C-alpha atoms as a PDB file:
ATOM      1  CA  UNK A   1      96.308-142.200  86.063  1.00  0.00           C
ATOM      2  CA  UNK A   2      96.568-144.032  82.778  1.00  0.00           C
ATOM      3  CA  UNK A   3      98.787-147.122  82.924  1.00  0.00           C
ATOM      4  CA  UNK A   4     102.490-146.854  82.178  1.00  0.00           C
ATOM      5  CA  UNK A   5     103.208-149.223  79.288  1.00  0.00           C
ATOM      6  CA  UNK A   6     106.684-150.675  78.763  1.00  0.00           C
ATOM      7  CA  UNK A   7     107.339-153.381  76.178  1.00  0.00           C
ATOM      8  CA  UNK A   8     103.631-154.195  76.069  1.00  0.00           C
ATOM      9  CA  UNK A   9     103.238-154.532  79.844  1.00  0.00           C
ATOM     10  CA  UNK A  10     101.044-152.162  81.826  1.00  0.00           C
ATOM     11  CA  UNK A  11     101.827-150.740  85.264  1.00  0.00           C
ATOM     12  CA  UNK A  12      99.588-148.601  87.444  1.00  0.00           C
ATOM     13  CA  UNK A  13     102.485-146.850  89.199  1.00  0.00           C
ATOM     14  CA  UNK A  14     104.792-144.372  87.520  1.00  0.00           C
ATOM     15  CA  UNK A  15     107.292-144.561  90.363  1.00  0.00           C
ATOM     16  CA  UNK A  16     110.097-147.121  90.158  1.00  0.00           C
ATOM     17  CA  UNK A  17     112.183-147.718  93.256  1.00  0.00           C
ATOM     18  CA  UNK A  18     115.723-148.902  93.893  1.00  0.00           C
ATOM     19  CA  UNK A  19     116.823-151.213  96.689  1.00  0.00           C
ATOM     20  CA  UNK A  20     120.256-149.909  97.704  1.00  0.00           C
ATOM     21  CA  UNK A  21     121.443-147.772 100.627  1.00  0.00           C
ATOM     22  CA  UNK A  22     118.718-148.639 103.156  1.00  0.00           C
ATOM     23  CA  UNK A  23     119.752-149.083 106.772  1.00  0.00           C
ATOM     24  CA  UNK A  24     118.110-152.495 106.792  1.00  0.00           C
ATOM     25  CA  UNK A  25     116.276-154.833 104.459  1.00  0.00           C
ATOM     26  CA  UNK A  26     113.224-154.568 106.688  1.00  0.00           C
ATOM     27  CA  UNK A  27     113.069-150.799 106.171  1.00  0.00           C
ATOM     28  CA  UNK A  28     113.520-151.332 102.442  1.00  0.00           C
ATOM     29  CA  UNK A  29     110.566-153.699 102.367  1.00  0.00           C
ATOM     30  CA  UNK A  30     108.339-151.195 104.206  1.00  0.00           C
ATOM     31  CA  UNK A  31     109.417-148.376 101.885  1.00  0.00           C
ATOM     32  CA  UNK A  32     108.664-150.436  98.784  1.00  0.00           C
ATOM     33  CA  UNK A  33     105.187-151.055 100.121  1.00  0.00           C
ATOM     34  CA  UNK A  34     104.597-147.370 100.917  1.00  0.00           C
ATOM     35  CA  UNK A  35     105.836-146.260  97.484  1.00  0.00           C
ATOM     36  CA  UNK A  36     103.176-148.147  95.586  1.00  0.00           C
ATOM     37  CA  UNK A  37     105.858-149.036  93.041  1.00  0.00           C
ATOM     38  CA  UNK A  38     105.439-152.070  90.840  1.00  0.00           C
ATOM     39  CA  UNK A  39     108.920-152.091  89.293  1.00  0.00           C
ATOM     40  CA  UNK A  40     111.857-152.595  91.637  1.00  0.00           C
ATOM     41  CA  UNK A  41     115.447-152.453  90.501  1.00  0.00           C
ATOM     42  CA  UNK A  42     118.252-154.505  92.047  1.00  0.00           C
ATOM     43  CA  UNK A  43     121.961-154.564  91.329  1.00  0.00           C
ATOM     44  CA  UNK A  44     122.830-158.013  89.994  1.00  0.00           C
ATOM     45  CA  UNK A  45     126.117-157.854  91.861  1.00  0.00           C
ATOM     46  CA  UNK A  46     124.255-157.496  95.186  1.00  0.00           C
ATOM     47  CA  UNK A  47     122.136-160.600  94.664  1.00  0.00           C
ATOM     48  CA  UNK A  48     123.339-163.956  95.959  1.00  0.00           C
ATOM     49  CA  UNK A  49     122.359-166.018  92.936  1.00  0.00           C
ATOM     50  CA  UNK A  50     123.401-169.287  94.561  1.00  0.00           C
ATOM     51  CA  UNK A  51     121.449-168.821  97.811  1.00  0.00           C
ATOM     52  CA  UNK A  52     118.410-166.756  96.988  1.00  0.00           C
ATOM     53  CA  UNK A  53     116.731-167.434 100.305  1.00  0.00           C
ATOM     54  CA  UNK A  54     119.548-165.636 102.150  1.00  0.00           C
ATOM     55  CA  UNK A  55     119.717-162.657  99.855  1.00  0.00           C
ATOM     56  CA  UNK A  56     118.065-159.358  99.087  1.00  0.00           C
ATOM     57  CA  UNK A  57     115.414-161.190  97.079  1.00  0.00           C
ATOM     58  CA  UNK A  58     114.028-162.761 100.228  1.00  0.00           C
ATOM     59  CA  UNK A  59     112.691-159.299 101.132  1.00  0.00           C
ATOM     60  CA  UNK A  60     111.041-158.594  97.772  1.00  0.00           C
ATOM     61  CA  UNK A  61     107.655-160.124  96.970  1.00  0.00           C
ATOM     62  CA  UNK A  62     108.244-161.383  93.448  1.00  0.00           C
ATOM     63  CA  UNK A  63     104.525-162.011  93.015  1.00  0.00           C
ATOM     64  CA  UNK A  64     103.882-158.324  93.616  1.00  0.00           C
ATOM     65  CA  UNK A  65     106.850-156.562  92.047  1.00  0.00           C
ATOM     66  CA  UNK A  66     108.435-156.774  88.614  1.00  0.00           C
ATOM     67  CA  UNK A  67     112.144-157.231  89.147  1.00  0.00           C
ATOM     68  CA  UNK A  68     114.418-155.022  87.060  1.00  0.00           C
ATOM     69  CA  UNK A  69     118.003-156.238  87.431  1.00  0.00           C
ATOM     70  CA  UNK A  70     120.595-153.547  86.773  1.00  0.00           C
ATOM     71  CA  UNK A  71     124.199-153.679  85.682  1.00  0.00           C
ATOM     72  CA  UNK A  72     125.499-151.223  88.286  1.00  0.00           C
ATOM     73  CA  UNK A  73     129.248-151.486  88.730  1.00  0.00           C
ATOM     74  CA  UNK A  74     129.942-152.296  85.090  1.00  0.00           C
ATOM     75  CA  UNK A  75     132.578-150.085  83.485  1.00  0.00           C
ATOM     76  CA  UNK A  76     132.425-151.416  79.923  1.00  0.00           C
ATOM     77  CA  UNK A  77     129.835-152.593  77.439  1.00  0.00           C
ATOM     78  CA  UNK A  78     131.264-156.105  77.648  1.00  0.00           C
ATOM     79  CA  UNK A  79     130.881-156.210  81.436  1.00  0.00           C
ATOM     80  CA  UNK A  80     127.313-154.988  81.232  1.00  0.00           C
ATOM     81  CA  UNK A  81     126.334-157.552  78.606  1.00  0.00           C
ATOM     82  CA  UNK A  82     127.931-160.346  80.620  1.00  0.00           C
ATOM     83  CA  UNK A  83     126.129-159.245  83.801  1.00  0.00           C
ATOM     84  CA  UNK A  84     122.748-159.085  82.049  1.00  0.00           C
ATOM     85  CA  UNK A  85     123.267-162.566  80.648  1.00  0.00           C
ATOM     86  CA  UNK A  86     124.146-163.838  84.109  1.00  0.00           C
ATOM     87  CA  UNK A  87     120.970-162.362  85.584  1.00  0.00           C
ATOM     88  CA  UNK A  88     118.803-163.958  82.920  1.00  0.00           C
ATOM     89  CA  UNK A  89     120.546-167.318  83.225  1.00  0.00           C
ATOM     90  CA  UNK A  90     119.912-167.229  86.975  1.00  0.00           C
ATOM     91  CA  UNK A  91     116.209-166.730  86.343  1.00  0.00           C
ATOM     92  CA  UNK A  92     115.955-163.123  87.509  1.00  0.00           C
ATOM     93  CA  UNK A  93     114.512-161.543  84.368  1.00  0.00           C
ATOM     94  CA  UNK A  94     115.044-160.818  80.704  1.00  0.00           C
ATOM     95  CA  UNK A  95     114.431-157.163  81.574  1.00  0.00           C
ATOM     96  CA  UNK A  96     117.540-155.169  82.362  1.00  0.00           C
ATOM     97  CA  UNK A  97     118.293-151.656  83.504  1.00  0.00           C
ATOM     98  CA  UNK A  98     121.470-151.095  81.539  1.00  0.00           C
ATOM     99  CA  UNK A  99     124.191-149.082  83.248  1.00  0.00           C
ATOM    100  CA  UNK A 100     127.673-148.570  81.829  1.00  0.00           C
ATOM    101  CA  UNK A 101     129.575-146.170  84.074  1.00  0.00           C
ATOM    102  CA  UNK A 102     133.318-145.977  83.411  1.00  0.00           C
ATOM    103  CA  UNK A 103     134.188-143.378  86.056  1.00  0.00           C
ATOM    104  CA  UNK A 104     133.298-144.101  89.683  1.00  0.00           C
ATOM    105  CA  UNK A 105     134.072-140.491  90.543  1.00  0.00           C
ATOM    106  CA  UNK A 106     131.325-138.948  88.427  1.00  0.00           C
ATOM    107  CA  UNK A 107     128.939-141.905  88.032  1.00  0.00           C
ATOM    108  CA  UNK A 108     127.934-140.557  84.628  1.00  0.00           C
ATOM    109  CA  UNK A 109     126.972-143.030  81.895  1.00  0.00           C
ATOM    110  CA  UNK A 110     129.149-143.744  78.871  1.00  0.00           C
ATOM    111  CA  UNK A 111     126.753-143.028  75.979  1.00  0.00           C
ATOM    112  CA  UNK A 112     128.803-144.838  73.322  1.00  0.00           C
ATOM    113  CA  UNK A 113     129.254-147.998  75.372  1.00  0.00           C
ATOM    114  CA  UNK A 114     125.619-147.867  76.471  1.00  0.00           C
ATOM    115  CA  UNK A 115     124.396-147.852  72.867  1.00  0.00           C
ATOM    116  CA  UNK A 116     126.813-150.686  71.994  1.00  0.00           C
ATOM    117  CA  UNK A 117     125.648-152.849  74.899  1.00  0.00           C
ATOM    118  CA  UNK A 118     121.988-152.044  74.255  1.00  0.00           C
ATOM    119  CA  UNK A 119     122.252-153.125  70.639  1.00  0.00           C
ATOM    120  CA  UNK A 120     123.749-156.498  71.625  1.00  0.00           C
ATOM    121  CA  UNK A 121     121.203-157.136  74.378  1.00  0.00           C
ATOM    122  CA  UNK A 122     118.169-156.181  72.284  1.00  0.00           C
ATOM    123  CA  UNK A 123     119.311-158.631  69.597  1.00  0.00           C
ATOM    124  CA  UNK A 124     119.535-161.317  72.289  1.00  0.00           C
ATOM    125  CA  UNK A 125     115.935-160.755  73.346  1.00  0.00           C
ATOM    126  CA  UNK A 126     116.388-158.552  76.395  1.00  0.00           C
ATOM    127  CA  UNK A 127     113.984-155.760  77.292  1.00  0.00           C
ATOM    128  CA  UNK A 128     116.497-152.955  77.727  1.00  0.00           C
ATOM    129  CA  UNK A 129     115.930-149.824  79.824  1.00  0.00           C
ATOM    130  CA  UNK A 130     119.156-147.813  79.582  1.00  0.00           C
ATOM    131  CA  UNK A 131     120.449-145.241  82.054  1.00  0.00           C
ATOM    132  CA  UNK A 132     121.721-142.467  79.815  1.00  0.00           C
ATOM    133  CA  UNK A 133     122.689-138.821  79.562  1.00  0.00           C
ATOM    134  CA  UNK A 134     120.221-135.987  79.023  1.00  0.00           C
ATOM    135  CA  UNK A 135     121.277-135.744  75.352  1.00  0.00           C
ATOM    136  CA  UNK A 136     118.364-136.183  72.961  1.00  0.00           C
ATOM    137  CA  UNK A 137     120.664-137.473  70.199  1.00  0.00           C
ATOM    138  CA  UNK A 138     121.766-140.368  72.416  1.00  0.00           C
ATOM    139  CA  UNK A 139     118.127-141.009  73.299  1.00  0.00           C
ATOM    140  CA  UNK A 140     117.308-141.169  69.601  1.00  0.00           C
ATOM    141  CA  UNK A 141     120.084-143.689  69.007  1.00  0.00           C
ATOM    142  CA  UNK A 142     118.916-145.877  71.908  1.00  0.00           C
ATOM    143  CA  UNK A 143     115.432-145.804  70.441  1.00  0.00           C
ATOM    144  CA  UNK A 144     116.807-146.828  67.048  1.00  0.00           C
ATOM    145  CA  UNK A 145     118.558-149.914  68.448  1.00  0.00           C
ATOM    146  CA  UNK A 146     115.333-151.078  70.070  1.00  0.00           C
ATOM    147  CA  UNK A 147     115.365-150.020  73.725  1.00  0.00           C
ATOM    148  CA  UNK A 148     112.029-150.270  75.529  1.00  0.00           C
ATOM    149  CA  UNK A 149     112.513-146.929  77.320  1.00  0.00           C
ATOM    150  CA  UNK A 150     115.106-144.216  77.769  1.00  0.00           C
ATOM    151  CA  UNK A 151     116.223-143.239  81.268  1.00  0.00           C
ATOM    152  CA  UNK A 152     118.080-139.907  81.273  1.00  0.00           C
ATOM    153  CA  UNK A 153     119.566-138.593  84.478  1.00  0.00           C
ATOM    154  CA  UNK A 154     118.165-135.518  86.158  1.00  0.00           C
ATOM    155  CA  UNK A 155     121.586-135.014  87.733  1.00  0.00           C
ATOM    156  CA  UNK A 156     124.371-137.327  88.842  1.00  0.00           C
ATOM    157  CA  UNK A 157     123.521-140.444  90.867  1.00  0.00           C
ATOM    158  CA  UNK A 158     123.100-139.806  94.565  1.00  0.00           C
ATOM    159  CA  UNK A 159     123.513-136.022  94.386  1.00  0.00           C
ATOM    160  CA  UNK A 160     119.877-135.107  95.046  1.00  0.00           C
ATOM    161  CA  UNK A 161     120.222-132.014  92.870  1.00  0.00           C
ATOM    162  CA  UNK A 162     117.005-132.659  90.972  1.00  0.00           C
ATOM    163  CA  UNK A 163     116.571-131.781  87.307  1.00  0.00           C
ATOM    164  CA  UNK A 164     119.585-129.662  86.386  1.00  0.00           C
ATOM    165  CA  UNK A 165     118.209-129.043  82.898  1.00  0.00           C
ATOM    166  CA  UNK A 166     114.464-129.184  82.513  1.00  0.00           C
ATOM    167  CA  UNK A 167     114.907-128.075  78.909  1.00  0.00           C
ATOM    168  CA  UNK A 168     117.088-131.076  78.020  1.00  0.00           C
ATOM    169  CA  UNK A 169     114.644-133.518  79.570  1.00  0.00           C
ATOM    170  CA  UNK A 170     111.820-131.837  77.661  1.00  0.00           C
ATOM    171  CA  UNK A 171     113.815-132.197  74.433  1.00  0.00           C
ATOM    172  CA  UNK A 172     114.179-135.944  75.035  1.00  0.00           C
ATOM    173  CA  UNK A 173     110.448-136.196  75.714  1.00  0.00           C
ATOM    174  CA  UNK A 174     109.773-134.486  72.380  1.00  0.00           C
ATOM    175  CA  UNK A 175     112.265-136.775  70.621  1.00  0.00           C
ATOM    176  CA  UNK A 176     110.700-140.074  71.694  1.00  0.00           C
ATOM    177  CA  UNK A 177     107.114-139.035  72.405  1.00  0.00           C
ATOM    178  CA  UNK A 178     104.591-141.786  71.775  1.00  0.00           C
ATOM    179  CA  UNK A 179     107.198-144.434  71.014  1.00  0.00           C
ATOM    180  CA  UNK A 180     108.808-145.400  74.319  1.00  0.00           C
ATOM    181  CA  UNK A 181     108.523-144.043  77.860  1.00  0.00           C
ATOM    182  CA  UNK A 182     110.961-141.515  79.292  1.00  0.00           C
ATOM    183  CA  UNK A 183     111.958-142.353  82.865  1.00  0.00           C
ATOM    184  CA  UNK A 184     114.014-139.770  84.753  1.00  0.00           C
ATOM    185  CA  UNK A 185     116.638-141.802  86.591  1.00  0.00           C
ATOM    186  CA  UNK A 186     119.134-140.383  89.106  1.00  0.00           C
ATOM    187  CA  UNK A 187     119.367-137.065  90.888  1.00  0.00           C
ATOM    188  CA  UNK A 188     115.835-136.919  92.299  1.00  0.00           C
ATOM    189  CA  UNK A 189     116.278-135.447  95.777  1.00  0.00           C
ATOM    190  CA  UNK A 190     112.788-134.468  96.905  1.00  0.00           C
ATOM    191  CA  UNK A 191     109.167-135.113  95.954  1.00  0.00           C
ATOM    192  CA  UNK A 192     109.085-131.739  94.197  1.00  0.00           C
ATOM    193  CA  UNK A 193     111.795-133.015  91.814  1.00  0.00           C
ATOM    194  CA  UNK A 194     109.700-136.070  90.975  1.00  0.00           C
ATOM    195  CA  UNK A 195     106.638-133.914  90.388  1.00  0.00           C
ATOM    196  CA  UNK A 196     108.621-131.583  88.117  1.00  0.00           C
ATOM    197  CA  UNK A 197     109.878-134.523  86.048  1.00  0.00           C
ATOM    198  CA  UNK A 198     106.304-135.648  85.372  1.00  0.00           C
ATOM    199  CA  UNK A 199     105.152-132.066  84.751  1.00  0.00           C
ATOM    200  CA  UNK A 200     107.952-131.734  82.195  1.00  0.00           C
ATOM    201  CA  UNK A 201     106.553-134.706  80.308  1.00  0.00           C
ATOM    202  CA  UNK A 202     108.507-137.675  81.627  1.00  0.00           C
ATOM    203  CA  UNK A 203     106.414-140.808  81.925  1.00  0.00           C
ATOM    204  CA  UNK A 204     107.940-142.025  85.190  1.00  0.00           C
ATOM    205  CA  UNK A 205     110.831-141.610  87.612  1.00  0.00           C
ATOM    206  CA  UNK A 206     113.177-144.041  89.320  1.00  0.00           C
ATOM    207  CA  UNK A 207     114.142-143.073  92.870  1.00  0.00           C
ATOM    208  CA  UNK A 208     116.558-144.741  95.278  1.00  0.00           C
ATOM    209  CA  UNK A 209     118.835-142.515  97.380  1.00  0.00           C
ATOM    210  CA  UNK A 210     116.211-139.854  98.117  1.00  0.00           C
ATOM    211  CA  UNK A 211     114.032-142.500  99.735  1.00  0.00           C
ATOM    212  CA  UNK A 212     116.648-144.793 101.260  1.00  0.00           C
ATOM    213  CA  UNK A 213     118.676-142.032 102.943  1.00  0.00           C
ATOM    214  CA  UNK A 214     115.744-139.895 104.071  1.00  0.00           C
ATOM    215  CA  UNK A 215     115.195-139.412 107.778  1.00  0.00           C
ATOM    216  CA  UNK A 216     112.061-141.544 107.428  1.00  0.00           C
ATOM    217  CA  UNK A 217     112.323-143.666 104.274  1.00  0.00           C
ATOM    218  CA  UNK A 218     108.798-145.021 104.562  1.00  0.00           C
ATOM    219  CA  UNK A 219     107.253-141.543 104.812  1.00  0.00           C
ATOM    220  CA  UNK A 220     109.437-140.310 101.961  1.00  0.00           C
ATOM    221  CA  UNK A 221     108.388-143.239  99.787  1.00  0.00           C
ATOM    222  CA  UNK A 222     104.767-142.263 100.351  1.00  0.00           C
ATOM    223  CA  UNK A 223     105.564-138.633  99.570  1.00  0.00           C
ATOM    224  CA  UNK A 224     107.252-139.639  96.299  1.00  0.00           C
ATOM    225  CA  UNK A 225     104.209-141.674  95.379  1.00  0.00           C
ATOM    226  CA  UNK A 226     101.910-138.687  95.858  1.00  0.00           C
ATOM    227  CA  UNK A 227     104.304-136.322  94.066  1.00  0.00           C
ATOM    228  CA  UNK A 228     104.424-138.528  90.986  1.00  0.00           C
ATOM    229  CA  UNK A 229     100.639-138.618  90.890  1.00  0.00           C
ATOM    230  CA  UNK A 230     100.478-134.833  91.322  1.00  0.00           C
ATOM    231  CA  UNK A 231     103.015-134.208  88.578  1.00  0.00           C
ATOM    232  CA  UNK A 232     101.189-136.498  86.184  1.00  0.00           C
ATOM    233  CA  UNK A 233      97.840-134.836  86.860  1.00  0.00           C
ATOM    234  CA  UNK A 234      99.353-131.359  86.564  1.00  0.00           C
ATOM    235  CA  UNK A 235     100.843-132.199  83.185  1.00  0.00           C
ATOM    236  CA  UNK A 236      97.488-133.383  81.898  1.00  0.00           C
ATOM    237  CA  UNK A 237      95.643-130.413  83.406  1.00  0.00           C
ATOM    238  CA  UNK A 238      97.938-127.909  81.699  1.00  0.00           C
ATOM    239  CA  UNK A 239      99.680-125.174  83.653  1.00  0.00           C
ATOM    240  CA  UNK A 240      99.149-121.494  82.910  1.00  0.00           C
ATOM    241  CA  UNK A 241     101.757-119.764  80.734  1.00  0.00           C
ATOM    242  CA  UNK A 242     104.516-117.899  82.534  1.00  0.00           C
ATOM    243  CA  UNK A 243     104.186-114.160  82.153  1.00  0.00           C
ATOM    244  CA  UNK A 244     106.260-111.123  82.989  1.00  0.00           C
ATOM    245  CA  UNK A 245     103.133-109.045  83.447  1.00  0.00           C
ATOM    246  CA  UNK A 246     101.156-109.241  86.716  1.00  0.00           C
ATOM    247  CA  UNK A 247      97.455-109.976  86.401  1.00  0.00           C
ATOM    248  CA  UNK A 248      94.885-109.638  89.223  1.00  0.00           C
ATOM    249  CA  UNK A 249      93.143-112.788  90.358  1.00  0.00           C
ATOM    250  CA  UNK A 250      89.797-110.994  90.569  1.00  0.00           C
ATOM    251  CA  UNK A 251      88.378-109.188  87.507  1.00  0.00           C
ATOM    252  CA  UNK A 252      88.116-105.429  87.829  1.00  0.00           C
ATOM    253  CA  UNK A 253      84.854-105.225  85.883  1.00  0.00           C
ATOM    254  CA  UNK A 254      81.799-105.126  88.096  1.00  0.00           C
ATOM    255  CA  UNK A 255      83.630-104.143  91.277  1.00  0.00           C
ATOM    256  CA  UNK A 256      81.255-102.377  93.688  1.00  0.00           C
ATOM    257  CA  UNK A 257      81.869 -98.646  93.851  1.00  0.00           C
ATOM    258  CA  UNK A 258      83.875 -98.524  90.630  1.00  0.00           C
ATOM    259  CA  UNK A 259      82.314 -97.199  87.463  1.00  0.00           C
END
């Protein structure tokens, strides 16, 4: 695979992995390894910034993985900006996965507040990767304010319903093609969903629940890794057009016994 490039940095893996919902930190560490991911996202509010050695970060090899702090749990643009600043001040990163989710019942992003927060953070020197809706107009606006990627949901966080609208993801891909990566974030439930996202034209996927809550998270992490590679290769190979007319696999010309 060609490298995934975000804000001038190259990554060999097109699978990003979250760190929540695992039964243990030891299982999380094994799953990260099996996934082949190079970007790992952590909720700033889960990290003990005053005692790093006793926290989640003790189980993440910071020499191996690029840490992507996220603003999960923030309901307003102001909260998200404050949380990102806190993460940077604590030395985590100037990269941030921006999440502004006002309704804990739906876990859908607030597009207006997300754009507002992104604009502030970009001006302050953050590399902003925003979790957003599958609306190409919002994606365009996030691109205009300087985001380093756009991260539309496939479906709501934790639902495992996959890509509910392949067409809307494809429209976002067309909108930002060649300028910033498109990373499908949320809703991936199975490796086939991850493969479909890459086949549709997304540059990467971010997966958490589908790995962490699988019967065997380590095996599922490996399966996601392979699915992302398969989807990427399939996209580049070019699938056949869909047709309503059946066509035999073997040509009829030259068949023995048929004139």
